[in-house]
Amino acid sequence: MPSDRRTPTPDLDDRVVRTALMSLPSASVLLVDRDLRYRAAVGAAITYYGFEPSKMIGRLVSDTLSPDALEFVEPALHRALAGEMFTEIREIATLGGAAFEMAYGPAVEDGEIVGALVVVRDVTVEHRALTDLTATGELHQMLMSQTSDVIALTTPVDARYLWVSPSSVRVLGWEYDKLVGRTAYDFVHPEDL
């Protein structure tokens, strides 16, 4: 019985993949050969940062990247050419401190490593949000440690102390490790429970 579905062809598959990659504003895929020359470059992230994929093909990676980017990209490509698969996040100063998640791996054809494949994703927004969140957490921790008020974080059910401010030592006379893990009920007179 004939099927209504078309059998995908390599050209169709290639067009679908290219269209999908161009639709993802923060992602790109690069294929680099053993001589560290670009063999394929697809994706909107490349174009956004001023690279023209068609002008990259055949060029050396070292001809297209800034020294600060080349410093970590070139060793990573050699690791991928040796068969390693890994992901890392890097900031690139010459691109305004933009942060990129790069997944590296070997490009294999007929069981032989013929190049390195790199999937690049712009994670600047997420990276900056995480950095801001970390800084905010550090600020809160510093403020909490400097307050003279006794502040405690407890579990909702049994009021077990999870954290107490350092001021608890000065105000209550109890050491941190003597409070954490105990419940608030441990400090109430039995008749007052």
N, C-alpha and C. Protein backbone atom coordinates (compact mmCIF):
# COMPACT_ATOMS: atom_id res chain seq x y z
N MET A 1 0.84 -1.16 0.00
CA MET A 1 0.00 0.00 0.00
C MET A 1 0.90 1.23 0.00
N PRO A 2 0.67 2.20 -0.91
CA PRO A 2 1.51 3.38 -0.98
C PRO A 2 1.29 4.28 0.23
N SER A 3 2.36 4.93 0.61
CA SER A 3 2.31 5.83 1.77
C SER A 3 2.11 7.26 1.29
N ASP A 4 1.38 8.04 2.08
CA ASP A 4 1.18 9.45 1.75
C ASP A 4 2.38 10.28 2.20
N ARG A 5 3.23 9.70 3.00
CA ARG A 5 4.37 10.44 3.53
C ARG A 5 5.54 10.40 2.56
N ARG A 6 6.19 11.53 2.43
CA ARG A 6 7.36 11.59 1.58
C ARG A 6 8.57 11.05 2.33
N THR A 7 9.44 10.43 1.59
CA THR A 7 10.69 9.96 2.17
C THR A 7 11.65 11.14 2.18
N PRO A 8 12.19 11.47 3.36
CA PRO A 8 13.12 12.60 3.42
C PRO A 8 14.34 12.34 2.54
N THR A 9 14.83 13.41 1.96
CA THR A 9 16.05 13.32 1.17
C THR A 9 17.14 14.10 1.89
N PRO A 10 18.40 13.80 1.60
CA PRO A 10 19.48 14.56 2.26
C PRO A 10 19.34 16.06 2.05
N ASP A 11 18.93 16.50 0.86
CA ASP A 11 18.77 17.94 0.61
C ASP A 11 17.66 18.52 1.47
N LEU A 12 16.54 17.79 1.58
CA LEU A 12 15.43 18.25 2.39
C LEU A 12 15.84 18.30 3.86
N ASP A 13 16.49 17.23 4.33
CA ASP A 13 16.96 17.20 5.71
C ASP A 13 17.88 18.37 6.00
N ASP A 14 18.80 18.65 5.07
CA ASP A 14 19.76 19.75 5.23
C ASP A 14 19.03 21.08 5.32
N ARG A 15 18.03 21.30 4.47
CA ARG A 15 17.27 22.55 4.49
C ARG A 15 16.49 22.69 5.79
N VAL A 16 15.90 21.61 6.26
CA VAL A 16 15.13 21.65 7.51
C VAL A 16 16.05 22.01 8.68
N VAL A 17 17.21 21.36 8.74
CA VAL A 17 18.15 21.64 9.83
C VAL A 17 18.63 23.08 9.76
N ARG A 18 19.00 23.55 8.58
CA ARG A 18 19.46 24.94 8.42
C ARG A 18 18.36 25.93 8.81
N THR A 19 17.14 25.68 8.38
CA THR A 19 16.03 26.56 8.72
C THR A 19 15.80 26.58 10.22
N ALA A 20 15.84 25.41 10.84
CA ALA A 20 15.65 25.33 12.29
C ALA A 20 16.74 26.11 13.02
N LEU A 21 17.98 25.94 12.61
CA LEU A 21 19.08 26.62 13.28
C LEU A 21 19.02 28.13 13.08
N MET A 22 18.57 28.58 11.94
CA MET A 22 18.44 30.01 11.70
C MET A 22 17.26 30.59 12.47
N SER A 23 16.33 29.74 12.90
CA SER A 23 15.17 30.19 13.66
C SER A 23 15.47 30.30 15.14
N LEU A 24 16.54 29.69 15.58
CA LEU A 24 16.93 29.76 16.98
C LEU A 24 17.89 30.93 17.15
N PRO A 25 17.44 32.01 17.77
CA PRO A 25 18.25 33.23 17.80
C PRO A 25 19.55 33.12 18.59
N SER A 26 19.66 32.13 19.45
CA SER A 26 20.85 32.08 20.30
C SER A 26 21.76 30.89 20.01
N ALA A 27 21.49 30.12 18.95
CA ALA A 27 22.27 28.89 18.73
C ALA A 27 22.92 28.86 17.35
N SER A 28 24.05 28.18 17.28
CA SER A 28 24.77 27.95 16.03
C SER A 28 25.52 26.64 16.12
N VAL A 29 25.81 26.06 14.95
CA VAL A 29 26.58 24.83 14.88
C VAL A 29 27.76 25.07 13.94
N LEU A 30 28.94 24.65 14.37
CA LEU A 30 30.15 24.80 13.58
C LEU A 30 30.80 23.44 13.39
N LEU A 31 31.31 23.20 12.20
CA LEU A 31 32.09 21.99 11.93
C LEU A 31 33.47 22.46 11.51
N VAL A 32 34.48 21.96 12.21
CA VAL A 32 35.87 22.34 11.96
C VAL A 32 36.64 21.08 11.61
N ASP A 33 37.47 21.14 10.56
CA ASP A 33 38.24 19.95 10.17
C ASP A 33 39.50 19.81 11.03
N ARG A 34 40.29 18.80 10.75
CA ARG A 34 41.49 18.51 11.55
C ARG A 34 42.54 19.61 11.45
N ASP A 35 42.48 20.43 10.39
CA ASP A 35 43.41 21.56 10.23
C ASP A 35 42.87 22.83 10.88
N LEU A 36 41.76 22.70 11.59
CA LEU A 36 41.07 23.81 12.25
C LEU A 36 40.55 24.85 11.25
N ARG A 37 40.02 24.34 10.13
CA ARG A 37 39.34 25.18 9.14
C ARG A 37 37.84 24.91 9.22
N TYR A 38 37.06 25.97 9.11
CA TYR A 38 35.61 25.81 9.12
C TYR A 38 35.16 25.05 7.88
N ARG A 39 34.31 24.03 8.07
CA ARG A 39 33.71 23.29 6.96
C ARG A 39 32.22 23.55 6.89
N ALA A 40 31.63 23.96 8.00
CA ALA A 40 30.21 24.33 8.04
C ALA A 40 30.00 25.32 9.18
N ALA A 41 29.10 26.26 8.95
CA ALA A 41 28.75 27.25 9.96
C ALA A 41 27.30 27.64 9.73
N VAL A 42 26.45 27.26 10.66
CA VAL A 42 25.02 27.50 10.51
C VAL A 42 24.46 28.02 11.83
N GLY A 43 23.61 29.03 11.75
CA GLY A 43 22.91 29.48 12.94
C GLY A 43 22.87 30.98 13.08
N ALA A 44 21.82 31.45 13.75
CA ALA A 44 21.58 32.88 13.91
C ALA A 44 22.58 33.54 14.84
N ALA A 45 23.09 32.81 15.83
CA ALA A 45 24.02 33.42 16.79
C ALA A 45 25.28 33.90 16.10
N ILE A 46 25.76 33.16 15.11
CA ILE A 46 26.96 33.56 14.38
C ILE A 46 26.71 34.90 13.68
N THR A 47 25.60 35.00 12.97
CA THR A 47 25.26 36.20 12.22
C THR A 47 25.05 37.39 13.16
N TYR A 48 24.41 37.15 14.29
CA TYR A 48 24.13 38.21 15.26
C TYR A 48 25.42 38.88 15.71
N TYR A 49 26.48 38.11 15.90
CA TYR A 49 27.75 38.66 16.37
C TYR A 49 28.66 39.11 15.24
N GLY A 50 28.11 39.28 14.04
CA GLY A 50 28.85 39.89 12.95
C GLY A 50 29.65 38.95 12.07
N PHE A 51 29.49 37.65 12.23
CA PHE A 51 30.19 36.70 11.37
C PHE A 51 29.29 36.33 10.20
N GLU A 52 29.84 36.21 9.02
CA GLU A 52 29.08 35.74 7.86
C GLU A 52 29.46 34.30 7.61
N PRO A 53 28.54 33.37 7.87
CA PRO A 53 28.86 31.94 7.73
C PRO A 53 29.50 31.59 6.38
N SER A 54 29.00 32.17 5.30
CA SER A 54 29.54 31.82 3.98
C SER A 54 31.00 32.25 3.82
N LYS A 55 31.39 33.31 4.52
CA LYS A 55 32.78 33.80 4.45
C LYS A 55 33.70 33.06 5.42
N MET A 56 33.13 32.27 6.31
CA MET A 56 33.94 31.51 7.27
C MET A 56 34.45 30.20 6.67
N ILE A 57 33.67 29.61 5.78
CA ILE A 57 33.99 28.29 5.21
C ILE A 57 35.37 28.33 4.55
N GLY A 58 36.22 27.38 4.95
CA GLY A 58 37.57 27.27 4.40
C GLY A 58 38.61 28.09 5.14
N ARG A 59 38.17 29.00 5.99
CA ARG A 59 39.11 29.84 6.74
C ARG A 59 39.53 29.15 8.03
N LEU A 60 40.71 29.49 8.50
CA LEU A 60 41.19 28.97 9.77
C LEU A 60 40.43 29.62 10.92
N VAL A 61 40.20 28.86 11.96
CA VAL A 61 39.55 29.39 13.16
C VAL A 61 40.35 30.57 13.69
N SER A 62 41.68 30.47 13.65
CA SER A 62 42.54 31.54 14.17
C SER A 62 42.40 32.84 13.39
N ASP A 63 41.88 32.79 12.16
CA ASP A 63 41.69 34.00 11.36
C ASP A 63 40.39 34.73 11.70
N THR A 64 39.50 34.07 12.43
CA THR A 64 38.18 34.67 12.66
C THR A 64 37.93 35.04 14.11
N LEU A 65 38.69 34.48 15.04
CA LEU A 65 38.42 34.73 16.45
C LEU A 65 39.42 35.71 17.05
N SER A 66 38.96 36.43 18.05
CA SER A 66 39.84 37.34 18.78
C SER A 66 40.80 36.51 19.63
N PRO A 67 41.94 37.10 20.02
CA PRO A 67 42.89 36.35 20.85
C PRO A 67 42.30 35.81 22.15
N ASP A 68 41.39 36.58 22.79
CA ASP A 68 40.81 36.09 24.05
C ASP A 68 39.91 34.88 23.82
N ALA A 69 39.23 34.82 22.68
CA ALA A 69 38.39 33.65 22.36
C ALA A 69 39.25 32.49 21.90
N LEU A 70 40.23 32.77 21.08
CA LEU A 70 41.10 31.72 20.54
C LEU A 70 41.86 31.00 21.65
N GLU A 71 42.16 31.73 22.72
CA GLU A 71 42.91 31.17 23.85
C GLU A 71 42.25 29.93 24.45
N PHE A 72 40.92 29.89 24.46
CA PHE A 72 40.25 28.70 25.01
C PHE A 72 39.61 27.83 23.93
N VAL A 73 39.27 28.41 22.77
CA VAL A 73 38.63 27.63 21.72
C VAL A 73 39.59 26.63 21.09
N GLU A 74 40.80 27.07 20.77
CA GLU A 74 41.74 26.19 20.08
C GLU A 74 42.07 24.92 20.91
N PRO A 75 42.40 25.04 22.21
CA PRO A 75 42.63 23.81 22.98
C PRO A 75 41.38 22.93 23.08
N ALA A 76 40.21 23.56 23.14
CA ALA A 76 38.96 22.80 23.21
C ALA A 76 38.74 22.01 21.92
N LEU A 77 39.05 22.62 20.79
CA LEU A 77 38.91 21.91 19.51
C LEU A 77 39.86 20.71 19.45
N HIS A 78 41.07 20.87 19.95
CA HIS A 78 42.02 19.74 19.97
C HIS A 78 41.52 18.61 20.87
N ARG A 79 40.88 18.96 21.97
CA ARG A 79 40.29 17.93 22.85
C ARG A 79 39.19 17.17 22.10
N ALA A 80 38.35 17.92 21.36
CA ALA A 80 37.27 17.28 20.60
C ALA A 80 37.85 16.41 19.49
N LEU A 81 38.92 16.87 18.84
CA LEU A 81 39.57 16.08 17.79
C LEU A 81 40.20 14.80 18.35
N ALA A 82 40.50 14.81 19.65
CA ALA A 82 41.04 13.62 20.31
C ALA A 82 39.92 12.68 20.76
N GLY A 83 38.65 13.07 20.51
CA GLY A 83 37.53 12.19 20.82
C GLY A 83 36.74 12.56 22.05
N GLU A 84 37.08 13.65 22.70
CA GLU A 84 36.41 14.04 23.94
C GLU A 84 35.14 14.82 23.64
N MET A 85 34.12 14.61 24.47
CA MET A 85 32.87 15.37 24.39
C MET A 85 32.71 16.13 25.70
N PHE A 86 32.47 17.44 25.64
CA PHE A 86 32.33 18.23 26.87
C PHE A 86 31.63 19.54 26.55
N THR A 87 31.19 20.20 27.61
CA THR A 87 30.51 21.49 27.49
C THR A 87 31.15 22.46 28.47
N GLU A 88 31.26 23.73 28.05
CA GLU A 88 31.79 24.76 28.94
C GLU A 88 31.11 26.08 28.63
N ILE A 89 31.11 26.97 29.61
CA ILE A 89 30.57 28.31 29.43
C ILE A 89 31.72 29.29 29.56
N ARG A 90 31.81 30.20 28.60
CA ARG A 90 32.90 31.18 28.57
C ARG A 90 32.34 32.56 28.24
N GLU A 91 32.95 33.58 28.86
CA GLU A 91 32.66 34.96 28.51
C GLU A 91 33.73 35.42 27.53
N ILE A 92 33.33 36.23 26.56
CA ILE A 92 34.28 36.74 25.58
C ILE A 92 34.27 38.26 25.67
N ALA A 93 35.37 38.81 26.18
CA ALA A 93 35.48 40.24 26.43
C ALA A 93 35.28 41.06 25.17
N THR A 94 35.85 40.61 24.06
CA THR A 94 35.76 41.39 22.83
C THR A 94 34.36 41.40 22.23
N LEU A 95 33.47 40.59 22.76
CA LEU A 95 32.07 40.61 22.33
C LEU A 95 31.20 41.20 23.44
N GLY A 96 31.76 42.18 24.13
CA GLY A 96 31.02 42.86 25.18
C GLY A 96 30.75 42.02 26.41
N GLY A 97 31.57 41.01 26.63
CA GLY A 97 31.38 40.14 27.79
C GLY A 97 30.27 39.13 27.60
N ALA A 98 29.85 38.92 26.36
CA ALA A 98 28.80 37.93 26.08
C ALA A 98 29.28 36.56 26.56
N ALA A 99 28.36 35.78 27.08
CA ALA A 99 28.68 34.44 27.59
C ALA A 99 28.10 33.39 26.65
N PHE A 100 28.90 32.38 26.37
CA PHE A 100 28.49 31.33 25.46
C PHE A 100 28.67 29.96 26.09
N GLU A 101 27.66 29.10 25.90
CA GLU A 101 27.77 27.70 26.26
C GLU A 101 28.20 26.99 24.99
N MET A 102 29.31 26.27 25.06
CA MET A 102 29.83 25.58 23.89
C MET A 102 29.95 24.10 24.18
N ALA A 103 29.27 23.31 23.38
CA ALA A 103 29.35 21.85 23.49
C ALA A 103 30.26 21.36 22.37
N TYR A 104 31.33 20.68 22.73
CA TYR A 104 32.32 20.20 21.77
C TYR A 104 32.23 18.68 21.67
N GLY A 105 32.54 18.17 20.50
CA GLY A 105 32.61 16.73 20.32
C GLY A 105 33.26 16.40 18.99
N PRO A 106 33.65 15.15 18.84
CA PRO A 106 34.28 14.75 17.57
C PRO A 106 33.23 14.59 16.48
N ALA A 107 33.60 14.97 15.26
CA ALA A 107 32.77 14.69 14.08
C ALA A 107 33.32 13.41 13.48
N VAL A 108 32.50 12.37 13.46
CA VAL A 108 32.96 11.05 13.05
C VAL A 108 32.31 10.65 11.73
N GLU A 109 33.14 10.12 10.82
CA GLU A 109 32.65 9.63 9.54
C GLU A 109 33.32 8.28 9.27
N ASP A 110 32.53 7.26 9.04
CA ASP A 110 33.03 5.90 8.81
C ASP A 110 33.99 5.45 9.92
N GLY A 111 33.64 5.80 11.16
CA GLY A 111 34.43 5.38 12.31
C GLY A 111 35.70 6.17 12.54
N GLU A 112 35.94 7.19 11.75
CA GLU A 112 37.16 7.99 11.88
C GLU A 112 36.80 9.42 12.25
N ILE A 113 37.57 10.02 13.15
CA ILE A 113 37.34 11.42 13.53
C ILE A 113 37.87 12.31 12.41
N VAL A 114 36.96 13.05 11.79
CA VAL A 114 37.33 13.89 10.66
C VAL A 114 37.32 15.37 11.02
N GLY A 115 36.84 15.69 12.19
CA GLY A 115 36.78 17.08 12.61
C GLY A 115 36.19 17.21 13.98
N ALA A 116 35.89 18.45 14.32
CA ALA A 116 35.27 18.75 15.62
C ALA A 116 33.95 19.48 15.36
N LEU A 117 32.96 19.11 16.12
CA LEU A 117 31.65 19.74 16.03
C LEU A 117 31.46 20.61 17.27
N VAL A 118 31.00 21.83 17.06
CA VAL A 118 30.78 22.75 18.18
C VAL A 118 29.37 23.31 18.07
N VAL A 119 28.60 23.15 19.13
CA VAL A 119 27.28 23.77 19.22
C VAL A 119 27.44 24.94 20.17
N VAL A 120 27.19 26.14 19.65
CA VAL A 120 27.38 27.37 20.42
C VAL A 120 26.02 27.95 20.74
N ARG A 121 25.84 28.30 22.00
CA ARG A 121 24.57 28.92 22.41
C ARG A 121 24.87 30.15 23.25
N ASP A 122 24.28 31.27 22.89
CA ASP A 122 24.46 32.52 23.63
C ASP A 122 23.64 32.42 24.92
N VAL A 123 24.32 32.42 26.06
CA VAL A 123 23.65 32.32 27.36
C VAL A 123 23.93 33.56 28.20
N THR A 124 24.18 34.68 27.54
CA THR A 124 24.53 35.92 28.23
C THR A 124 23.48 36.31 29.26
N VAL A 125 22.21 36.30 28.87
CA VAL A 125 21.14 36.72 29.79
C VAL A 125 21.10 35.81 31.01
N GLU A 126 21.12 34.49 30.79
CA GLU A 126 21.08 33.55 31.91
C GLU A 126 22.31 33.67 32.80
N HIS A 127 23.47 33.85 32.17
CA HIS A 127 24.73 33.95 32.91
C HIS A 127 24.75 35.20 33.80
N ARG A 128 24.29 36.32 33.25
CA ARG A 128 24.26 37.57 34.03
C ARG A 128 23.23 37.48 35.15
N ALA A 129 22.09 36.84 34.89
CA ALA A 129 21.08 36.68 35.94
C ALA A 129 21.62 35.84 37.08
N LEU A 130 22.33 34.77 36.75
CA LEU A 130 22.93 33.92 37.78
C LEU A 130 23.99 34.67 38.57
N THR A 131 24.81 35.46 37.88
CA THR A 131 25.83 36.26 38.54
C THR A 131 25.18 37.27 39.48
N ASP A 132 24.10 37.94 39.01
CA ASP A 132 23.39 38.90 39.85
C ASP A 132 22.76 38.21 41.05
N LEU A 133 22.20 37.03 40.84
CA LEU A 133 21.57 36.29 41.94
C LEU A 133 22.61 35.89 42.98
N THR A 134 23.78 35.46 42.52
CA THR A 134 24.86 35.10 43.45
C THR A 134 25.29 36.32 44.25
N ALA A 135 25.46 37.45 43.57
CA ALA A 135 25.87 38.68 44.26
C ALA A 135 24.80 39.10 45.27
N THR A 136 23.52 38.97 44.90
CA THR A 136 22.44 39.33 45.81
C THR A 136 22.45 38.40 47.03
N GLY A 137 22.67 37.11 46.79
CA GLY A 137 22.73 36.15 47.90
C GLY A 137 23.88 36.45 48.84
N GLU A 138 25.02 36.84 48.29
CA GLU A 138 26.17 37.19 49.11
C GLU A 138 25.89 38.45 49.93
N LEU A 139 25.20 39.41 49.31
CA LEU A 139 24.84 40.64 50.02
C LEU A 139 23.88 40.31 51.17
N HIS A 140 22.87 39.51 50.88
CA HIS A 140 21.92 39.12 51.95
C HIS A 140 22.64 38.39 53.07
N GLN A 141 23.54 37.50 52.73
CA GLN A 141 24.27 36.76 53.75
C GLN A 141 25.11 37.71 54.61
N MET A 142 25.76 38.69 53.98
CA MET A 142 26.57 39.64 54.72
C MET A 142 25.69 40.49 55.64
N LEU A 143 24.54 40.95 55.13
CA LEU A 143 23.64 41.75 55.95
C LEU A 143 23.11 40.94 57.13
N MET A 144 22.73 39.70 56.87
CA MET A 144 22.19 38.84 57.94
C MET A 144 23.23 38.57 59.01
N SER A 145 24.48 38.46 58.61
CA SER A 145 25.53 38.15 59.60
C SER A 145 25.90 39.37 60.43
N GLN A 146 25.57 40.58 59.94
CA GLN A 146 25.93 41.80 60.65
C GLN A 146 24.80 42.35 61.53
N THR A 147 23.61 41.84 61.38
CA THR A 147 22.48 42.38 62.13
C THR A 147 22.59 42.04 63.62
N SER A 148 22.03 42.93 64.44
CA SER A 148 22.02 42.65 65.89
C SER A 148 20.75 41.92 66.30
N ASP A 149 19.77 41.86 65.40
CA ASP A 149 18.53 41.12 65.68
C ASP A 149 18.81 39.63 65.55
N VAL A 150 18.08 38.86 66.35
CA VAL A 150 18.18 37.41 66.22
C VAL A 150 17.22 36.99 65.10
N ILE A 151 17.77 36.36 64.07
CA ILE A 151 16.97 35.90 62.94
C ILE A 151 17.19 34.40 62.81
N ALA A 152 16.09 33.68 62.66
CA ALA A 152 16.19 32.23 62.55
C ALA A 152 15.35 31.73 61.38
N LEU A 153 15.87 30.74 60.71
CA LEU A 153 15.15 30.05 59.64
C LEU A 153 14.80 28.67 60.20
N THR A 154 13.48 28.37 60.23
CA THR A 154 13.03 27.10 60.79
C THR A 154 12.19 26.33 59.79
N THR A 155 12.04 25.04 60.06
CA THR A 155 11.13 24.23 59.25
C THR A 155 9.71 24.60 59.61
N PRO A 156 8.76 24.49 58.68
CA PRO A 156 7.39 24.92 58.96
C PRO A 156 6.63 24.00 59.91
N VAL A 157 6.95 22.73 59.96
CA VAL A 157 6.16 21.80 60.75
C VAL A 157 6.58 21.76 62.22
N ASP A 158 7.85 21.50 62.47
CA ASP A 158 8.27 21.32 63.87
C ASP A 158 9.15 22.45 64.39
N ALA A 159 9.29 23.54 63.65
CA ALA A 159 10.08 24.71 64.06
C ALA A 159 11.53 24.34 64.38
N ARG A 160 12.08 23.39 63.62
CA ARG A 160 13.47 22.99 63.79
C ARG A 160 14.36 24.06 63.15
N TYR A 161 15.36 24.52 63.89
CA TYR A 161 16.25 25.57 63.39
C TYR A 161 17.13 25.02 62.26
N LEU A 162 17.07 25.70 61.11
CA LEU A 162 17.94 25.37 59.98
C LEU A 162 19.13 26.32 59.92
N TRP A 163 18.90 27.57 60.36
CA TRP A 163 19.94 28.59 60.35
C TRP A 163 19.58 29.64 61.37
N VAL A 164 20.57 30.17 62.06
CA VAL A 164 20.36 31.30 62.98
C VAL A 164 21.45 32.32 62.71
N SER A 165 21.10 33.59 62.91
CA SER A 165 22.07 34.65 62.67
C SER A 165 23.17 34.60 63.74
N PRO A 166 24.35 35.07 63.39
CA PRO A 166 25.45 35.08 64.37
C PRO A 166 25.12 35.87 65.63
N SER A 167 24.18 36.81 65.53
CA SER A 167 23.81 37.60 66.70
C SER A 167 23.18 36.73 67.79
N SER A 168 22.71 35.56 67.46
CA SER A 168 22.10 34.68 68.46
C SER A 168 23.09 34.33 69.57
N VAL A 169 24.37 34.28 69.23
CA VAL A 169 25.40 34.01 70.24
C VAL A 169 25.47 35.17 71.22
N ARG A 170 25.47 36.41 70.69
CA ARG A 170 25.57 37.59 71.56
C ARG A 170 24.30 37.79 72.39
N VAL A 171 23.14 37.63 71.76
CA VAL A 171 21.88 37.94 72.43
C VAL A 171 21.40 36.81 73.33
N LEU A 172 21.47 35.56 72.82
CA LEU A 172 20.93 34.43 73.57
C LEU A 172 21.98 33.65 74.35
N GLY A 173 23.22 33.82 73.95
CA GLY A 173 24.28 33.10 74.63
C GLY A 173 24.44 31.65 74.17
N TRP A 174 23.80 31.29 73.08
CA TRP A 174 23.89 29.93 72.56
C TRP A 174 24.79 29.93 71.33
N GLU A 175 25.61 28.93 71.19
CA GLU A 175 26.46 28.78 70.01
C GLU A 175 25.61 28.29 68.84
N TYR A 176 26.03 28.64 67.65
CA TYR A 176 25.32 28.27 66.42
C TYR A 176 25.04 26.77 66.36
N ASP A 177 26.06 25.97 66.56
CA ASP A 177 25.89 24.51 66.44
C ASP A 177 25.06 23.91 67.57
N LYS A 178 24.79 24.69 68.64
CA LYS A 178 23.92 24.22 69.72
C LYS A 178 22.45 24.52 69.42
N LEU A 179 22.22 25.44 68.46
CA LEU A 179 20.85 25.79 68.09
C LEU A 179 20.38 25.05 66.85
N VAL A 180 21.21 25.03 65.82
CA VAL A 180 20.81 24.41 64.55
C VAL A 180 20.56 22.91 64.76
N GLY A 181 19.40 22.48 64.30
CA GLY A 181 19.01 21.07 64.45
C GLY A 181 18.04 20.86 65.59
N ARG A 182 18.01 21.79 66.52
CA ARG A 182 17.05 21.70 67.62
C ARG A 182 15.78 22.43 67.24
N THR A 183 14.71 22.23 68.02
CA THR A 183 13.45 22.92 67.72
C THR A 183 13.26 24.08 68.67
N ALA A 184 12.40 25.00 68.28
CA ALA A 184 12.08 26.14 69.15
C ALA A 184 11.46 25.64 70.45
N TYR A 185 10.77 24.50 70.38
CA TYR A 185 10.12 23.94 71.58
C TYR A 185 11.14 23.49 72.62
N ASP A 186 12.37 23.23 72.20
CA ASP A 186 13.41 22.81 73.13
C ASP A 186 13.78 23.93 74.10
N PHE A 187 13.38 25.18 73.78
CA PHE A 187 13.77 26.33 74.59
C PHE A 187 12.58 26.94 75.34
N VAL A 188 11.45 26.23 75.32
CA VAL A 188 10.25 26.69 76.01
C VAL A 188 10.08 25.84 77.26
N HIS A 189 9.77 26.48 78.38
CA HIS A 189 9.55 25.76 79.63
C HIS A 189 8.39 24.79 79.42
N PRO A 190 8.51 23.56 79.91
CA PRO A 190 7.47 22.53 79.70
C PRO A 190 6.07 22.99 80.07
N GLU A 191 5.92 23.83 81.11
CA GLU A 191 4.59 24.28 81.51
C GLU A 191 4.02 25.29 80.51
N ASP A 192 4.93 25.92 79.72
CA ASP A 192 4.47 26.93 78.76
C ASP A 192 4.17 26.34 77.37
N LEU A 193 4.50 25.04 77.16
CA LEU A 193 4.24 24.44 75.86
C LEU A 193 2.77 24.45 75.53
